[in-house]
Amino acid sequence: MNKINYYLRKNPLTTSEENKFMANISQKDTQWQEGVIEHMMKRNTTISKQDIVIVLDLMKETVIDLISNGYPVITDLFKARLSLKGAFTSFDDDFDASRHSLNLNLNASKALKDEVMNNTSIEKTEARIKEADISRLYDYETRSFGLAFTAGGLMGLHGKNLIKDGVDPELFLKRDGEDETIPMGKIMDISERQIMCYIPEDLEAGTYKIGFKRDVGENKKEEISYGELVMIT
């Protein structure tokens, strides 16, 4: 039996006590076609990787050819057919690309749904925290990436998963060799991939570590620092 993990998070769309929380599936790493092929090889060691690639490519070409010629296609995995979108003004009206479009309808087959539902157990778990990372810094005064900045200037922190659940992190600077944290200036814009903020105007010249703390639940904070030292003038 396969297993799916889920976790609960607050539902931002309601104030009702009955719908206070909603479930999210704990997604694992995405498996592209290469990953699917690797898993297929583990199930049958007598088939070569090249044989699998050839069969998958042939199936893709065949399905595309059949659907493109107007055939509905039903396999153990999916159902596919074409339809036309857009209204026609009269019986004599013809297809017009500016008003109409070809639409591909693709749905999971009943066989796929049944197999997944009948062979999967569900278990509650803790939310998976996406690892945050600061990959590079941007100076809006010089319009360039680098490590040299001016006190009072506007800085951009670029990376991934910089915010969690819409809560702004606590940005800080640490002078090289010291433990005291110095709060960064005002945050101007923030997203999962970029934080735009001001460097404090009264910051002394020197080299600093830059980073932030963010809430990760259960009254815990995660601290992320940029790997290289930043020069402030």
Protein backbone atom coordinates (compact mmCIF):
# COMPACT_ATOMS: atom_id res chain seq x y z
CA MET A 1 0.00 0.00 0.00
CA ASN A 2 1.35 3.42 -0.98
CA LYS A 3 1.15 6.33 1.46
CA ILE A 4 0.22 10.00 1.08
CA ASN A 5 1.09 12.48 3.84
CA TYR A 6 -0.95 15.61 4.49
CA TYR A 7 -0.75 18.56 6.87
CA LEU A 8 -3.20 21.21 8.03
CA ARG A 9 -2.92 24.97 7.62
CA LYS A 10 -5.21 27.85 8.45
CA ASN A 11 -7.87 28.57 5.84
CA PRO A 12 -7.40 32.25 4.85
CA LEU A 13 -10.75 32.40 3.04
CA THR A 14 -13.08 31.91 6.01
CA THR A 15 -13.66 32.93 9.61
CA SER A 16 -15.93 29.96 10.29
CA GLU A 17 -14.78 27.71 13.14
CA GLU A 18 -15.97 24.65 11.18
CA ASN A 19 -13.70 25.49 8.23
CA LYS A 20 -10.83 26.99 10.20
CA PHE A 21 -8.21 24.63 8.73
CA MET A 22 -7.62 23.09 5.31
CA ALA A 23 -5.53 20.09 4.25
CA ASN A 24 -2.52 20.20 1.93
CA ILE A 25 -0.80 17.17 0.44
CA SER A 26 2.91 16.99 1.35
CA GLN A 27 4.31 16.97 -2.17
CA LYS A 28 7.55 15.13 -2.88
CA ASP A 29 10.04 16.08 -5.58
CA THR A 30 8.51 16.35 -9.05
CA GLN A 31 9.24 13.35 -11.28
CA TRP A 32 9.88 14.33 -14.89
CA GLN A 33 9.98 11.76 -17.70
CA GLU A 34 13.58 10.83 -16.84
CA GLY A 35 12.47 9.99 -13.30
CA VAL A 36 9.55 7.93 -14.59
CA ILE A 37 11.94 5.96 -16.83
CA GLU A 38 14.29 5.29 -13.89
CA HIS A 39 11.37 3.94 -11.82
CA MET A 40 10.26 1.77 -14.73
CA MET A 41 13.74 0.24 -14.98
CA LYS A 42 13.66 -0.64 -11.27
CA ARG A 43 10.42 -2.58 -11.84
CA ASN A 44 11.73 -4.59 -14.79
CA THR A 45 15.49 -5.09 -15.13
CA THR A 46 15.18 -7.01 -18.41
CA ILE A 47 14.13 -3.89 -20.36
CA SER A 48 16.83 -1.41 -21.32
CA LYS A 49 16.52 2.33 -20.82
CA GLN A 50 16.75 2.86 -24.58
CA ASP A 51 13.83 0.44 -25.16
CA ILE A 52 11.67 2.40 -22.70
CA VAL A 53 12.59 5.74 -24.30
CA ILE A 54 11.70 4.39 -27.76
CA VAL A 55 8.31 3.05 -26.59
CA LEU A 56 7.40 6.26 -24.75
CA ASP A 57 8.39 8.41 -27.74
CA LEU A 58 6.39 6.14 -30.07
CA MET A 59 3.33 6.31 -27.81
CA LYS A 60 3.55 10.11 -27.64
CA GLU A 61 3.82 10.44 -31.43
CA THR A 62 0.94 7.99 -31.97
CA VAL A 63 -1.39 9.65 -29.47
CA ILE A 64 -0.68 13.11 -30.94
CA ASP A 65 -1.31 11.80 -34.44
CA LEU A 66 -4.62 10.13 -33.47
CA ILE A 67 -5.97 13.12 -31.54
CA SER A 68 -4.87 15.56 -34.28
CA ASN A 69 -6.91 13.51 -36.76
CA GLY A 70 -10.06 13.71 -34.66
CA TYR A 71 -9.91 10.40 -32.79
CA PRO A 72 -10.83 10.43 -29.08
CA VAL A 73 -8.17 8.40 -27.25
CA ILE A 74 -8.77 6.38 -24.06
CA THR A 75 -5.90 4.56 -22.33
CA ASP A 76 -5.43 3.10 -18.85
CA LEU A 77 -4.04 6.50 -17.79
CA PHE A 78 -6.04 9.21 -19.55
CA LYS A 79 -8.92 10.19 -21.82
CA ALA A 80 -8.29 12.82 -24.50
CA ARG A 81 -10.38 14.47 -27.20
CA LEU A 82 -10.57 17.75 -29.10
CA SER A 83 -13.33 20.34 -28.98
CA LEU A 84 -13.92 23.82 -30.40
CA LYS A 85 -14.35 26.85 -28.17
CA GLY A 86 -16.27 29.95 -29.19
CA ALA A 87 -19.78 30.80 -30.38
CA PHE A 88 -21.00 30.67 -33.99
CA THR A 89 -23.45 33.35 -35.14
CA SER A 90 -25.38 31.21 -37.63
CA PHE A 91 -25.48 27.83 -39.35
CA ASP A 92 -23.38 29.29 -42.19
CA ASP A 93 -20.75 30.78 -39.87
CA ASP A 94 -17.25 29.28 -40.31
CA PHE A 95 -14.30 28.79 -38.01
CA ASP A 96 -12.49 32.07 -37.38
CA ALA A 97 -9.21 31.95 -35.45
CA SER A 98 -9.91 35.39 -33.98
CA ARG A 99 -13.17 34.11 -32.38
CA HIS A 100 -12.69 30.36 -32.08
CA SER A 101 -9.99 28.03 -30.82
CA LEU A 102 -9.17 24.34 -30.69
CA ASN A 103 -9.27 22.93 -27.17
CA LEU A 104 -7.65 19.72 -25.89
CA ASN A 105 -9.70 17.98 -23.20
CA LEU A 106 -7.49 15.71 -21.09
CA ASN A 107 -8.71 13.85 -18.00
CA ALA A 108 -7.50 11.03 -15.79
CA SER A 109 -9.13 7.73 -16.76
CA LYS A 110 -11.44 5.86 -14.37
CA ALA A 111 -8.88 3.05 -14.22
CA LEU A 112 -6.15 5.45 -13.06
CA LYS A 113 -8.41 7.03 -10.44
CA ASP A 114 -9.52 3.66 -9.08
CA GLU A 115 -5.98 2.25 -8.88
CA VAL A 116 -4.67 5.33 -7.03
CA MET A 117 -7.60 5.51 -4.61
CA ASN A 118 -7.60 1.77 -3.83
CA ASN A 119 -3.84 1.50 -3.27
CA THR A 120 -3.12 4.63 -1.23
CA SER A 121 -3.27 5.19 2.52
CA ILE A 122 -3.43 8.67 4.08
CA GLU A 123 -1.44 9.81 7.09
CA LYS A 124 -1.24 13.17 8.86
CA THR A 125 2.21 14.76 9.23
CA GLU A 126 3.89 18.09 9.98
CA ALA A 127 4.10 20.75 7.27
CA ARG A 128 7.26 20.46 5.19
CA ILE A 129 9.30 23.63 5.53
CA LYS A 130 10.77 24.72 2.21
CA GLU A 131 14.45 25.57 2.63
CA ALA A 132 15.11 29.29 2.24
CA ASP A 133 18.16 30.57 0.41
CA ILE A 134 19.71 33.97 -0.41
CA SER A 135 21.59 33.48 -3.69
CA ARG A 136 22.72 37.04 -4.60
CA LEU A 137 22.38 40.71 -3.70
CA TYR A 138 21.36 43.62 -5.94
CA ASP A 139 22.35 47.30 -5.58
CA TYR A 140 19.60 49.56 -6.92
CA GLU A 141 21.97 52.56 -6.98
CA THR A 142 24.52 50.98 -9.33
CA ARG A 143 21.90 48.68 -10.90
CA SER A 144 24.16 45.66 -10.54
CA PHE A 145 24.68 42.51 -8.48
CA GLY A 146 27.60 42.57 -6.08
CA LEU A 147 28.82 42.82 -2.50
CA ALA A 148 29.58 46.56 -2.14
CA PHE A 149 26.79 48.86 -0.90
CA THR A 150 26.32 52.35 0.52
CA ALA A 151 24.66 53.10 3.86
CA GLY A 152 21.11 54.32 3.24
CA GLY A 153 21.00 52.63 -0.17
CA LEU A 154 18.36 50.26 -1.51
CA MET A 155 19.29 46.57 -1.57
CA GLY A 156 17.61 43.56 -3.18
CA LEU A 157 17.96 40.08 -1.68
CA HIS A 158 17.36 37.46 -4.38
CA GLY A 159 16.77 33.78 -3.64
CA LYS A 160 13.97 31.30 -2.99
CA ASN A 161 11.35 30.65 -0.30
CA LEU A 162 12.20 33.95 1.38
CA ILE A 163 8.78 34.26 3.04
CA LYS A 164 6.51 31.66 4.61
CA ASP A 165 2.71 31.92 4.90
CA GLY A 166 2.88 35.60 3.96
CA VAL A 167 4.77 36.58 7.14
CA ASP A 168 7.62 39.08 6.65
CA PRO A 169 11.02 37.90 7.98
CA GLU A 170 13.22 39.90 10.35
CA LEU A 171 16.12 41.25 8.28
CA PHE A 172 19.42 41.89 10.02
CA LEU A 173 23.11 42.76 9.61
CA LYS A 174 25.97 41.40 11.73
CA ARG A 175 29.33 43.16 11.72
CA ASP A 176 32.13 40.71 10.91
CA GLY A 177 33.43 39.14 14.13
CA GLU A 178 30.51 40.37 16.29
CA ASP A 179 27.32 38.64 17.44
CA GLU A 180 25.06 41.69 17.80
CA THR A 181 22.33 41.91 15.16
CA ILE A 182 21.49 45.25 13.55
CA PRO A 183 17.97 45.57 12.09
CA MET A 184 17.80 46.42 8.39
CA GLY A 185 15.85 49.44 7.22
CA LYS A 186 12.34 49.60 5.79
CA ILE A 187 11.15 46.77 3.53
CA MET A 188 9.82 48.24 0.28
CA ASP A 189 8.72 45.06 -1.48
CA ILE A 190 8.75 41.36 -0.67
CA SER A 191 8.00 38.07 -2.42
CA GLU A 192 9.17 34.46 -2.23
CA ARG A 193 12.10 35.27 -4.55
CA GLN A 194 13.06 38.86 -3.67
CA ILE A 195 13.15 41.25 -0.72
CA MET A 196 13.74 44.93 -1.45
CA CYS A 197 14.89 46.92 1.62
CA TYR A 198 16.91 49.94 2.74
CA ILE A 199 20.30 49.74 4.45
CA PRO A 200 20.31 51.82 7.68
CA GLU A 201 21.59 55.34 7.00
CA ASP A 202 23.66 55.52 10.20
CA LEU A 203 25.39 52.18 9.65
CA GLU A 204 29.16 52.35 10.21
CA ALA A 205 31.41 51.46 7.31
CA GLY A 206 32.74 47.92 7.42
CA THR A 207 32.07 44.32 6.43
CA TYR A 208 28.86 42.60 7.48
CA LYS A 209 26.94 39.39 7.24
CA ILE A 210 23.39 39.84 5.99
CA GLY A 211 20.47 37.53 6.61
CA PHE A 212 17.06 37.12 8.18
CA LYS A 213 14.99 35.14 10.62
CA ARG A 214 11.60 33.72 9.69
CA ASP A 215 8.89 31.88 11.62
CA VAL A 216 8.67 28.16 10.86
CA GLY A 217 5.87 27.30 13.32
CA GLU A 218 5.62 26.11 16.92
CA ASN A 219 7.30 29.35 18.13
CA LYS A 220 10.49 28.42 16.26
CA LYS A 221 12.56 30.73 14.06
CA GLU A 222 14.91 29.77 11.24
CA GLU A 223 17.96 31.96 10.60
CA ILE A 224 19.36 32.28 7.07
CA SER A 225 22.58 34.14 6.26
CA TYR A 226 24.17 35.11 2.94
CA GLY A 227 27.40 33.20 2.52
CA GLU A 228 29.74 36.10 1.68
CA LEU A 229 30.56 39.28 3.59
CA VAL A 230 29.02 42.54 2.40
CA MET A 231 31.05 45.76 2.26
CA ILE A 232 29.17 48.87 3.48
CA THR A 233 30.68 52.31 2.81
